Each structure stands twice: as C-alpha cells, then as structure tokens.
Amino acid sequence: MLRDALIATARYHAWANDRVLTLAAEIADEELRAPASLDHGTAWDTLRHLVDVDWSWRKFCIGEDVGERYVWDYVGPLEDLATLHAFSNEEDATLRSYLGSLDEGALAEVLHPSEDFSAPRWLILSHLMNHGTQHRTELARYLTDRGHSPGDLDLLDALELS
C-alpha cells in the first residue's frame, strides 16, 4: 500500500517536473539565467537544483551518498535546458522503477543522512518528491508572470491525465 502511494506521488512528481521544464523552454535562455526572486537566484539555477536534489536523494537511498557534489559532477554538464529536461525525464523514470522494486521492509529501513538525523527510507523518498513542490511553485509563478502559466499542477488532476 505504501509503495503504491509513493509510486502515485512519483508519477505526479514526474508529470509536474515535465510540465514546468516544457514551459521553461518557451522562455529565452538569457531570461532563465537572469536574476529573479527565486530561492536559487535564477529560474535556471532553481531548475538545476530541482533535478540535482531528486538525483542525489535517490542515490542516497540506494546507498550511494554523493555528499556535497552535484549531479553534473557525475553525469557530465547539464548546461542547456534540453539536456537538463531529458536527464530529468530519465531520472523520474529511474525513481519510479526504483520505487517499484522496494518491498515494505526496504521502505521501512531507517537511513542516516547525517549523524544527528535518521528517517525511514519511505519518508526520505516522500521528502524528495515534496521538495520539488516548493520549487515548482516558485517556477510556476515565475512562468505565469512571463505569460507561460503551467495551469493547474494539482495531484489529482495530474493522475487523471496518466
């Protein structure tokens, strides 16, 4: 049951990421990289952060702690939106496949991201997907202000589409 809920959330997460990245392609690259009122300073850096965090938390959950390095330090440059978008789509598919491979025991296993914090794997995976909500919300406002609203990014609406 928990695994099914996580997979449904991952389907939504992938759909919403794809929606935002697709619309970001309608903004000129220099505008995406220009300073903006976003947590990471620019829309481009916020998009890269979103993809990096997804990848790094999934890697941590499979036992490959990447530490303070970024996804592009491992897979090569992700310096343009098309490459970042393609990587995000691949990563989202990898996450769903990984979730499908986990049984209840693996989901309940307690992981230790730091010396003073531990959490079951399912909670860390939930955090991974919920984290994206914050940045997609920022990006949705950014895109809307530039005439490229992503429309409704609601969970139930997205799951009805798939």
Foldseek 3Di string as FASTA:
>chain_A
DLLVVLLLLLLLLLLLLLLLLVLVVVDDPVQQVAADPAPQGGNVRLNQVLQFLLVQLVCVLVPRHPPPDTPCVPPNDPPDSVSSSVSSNVSSVVVSVVSVVDDPVSQQDWDDPDPVDIGGNSVSSVCSSVVSVVSSVVSQVVSVVVPRHSPDSDSVVSSVVD
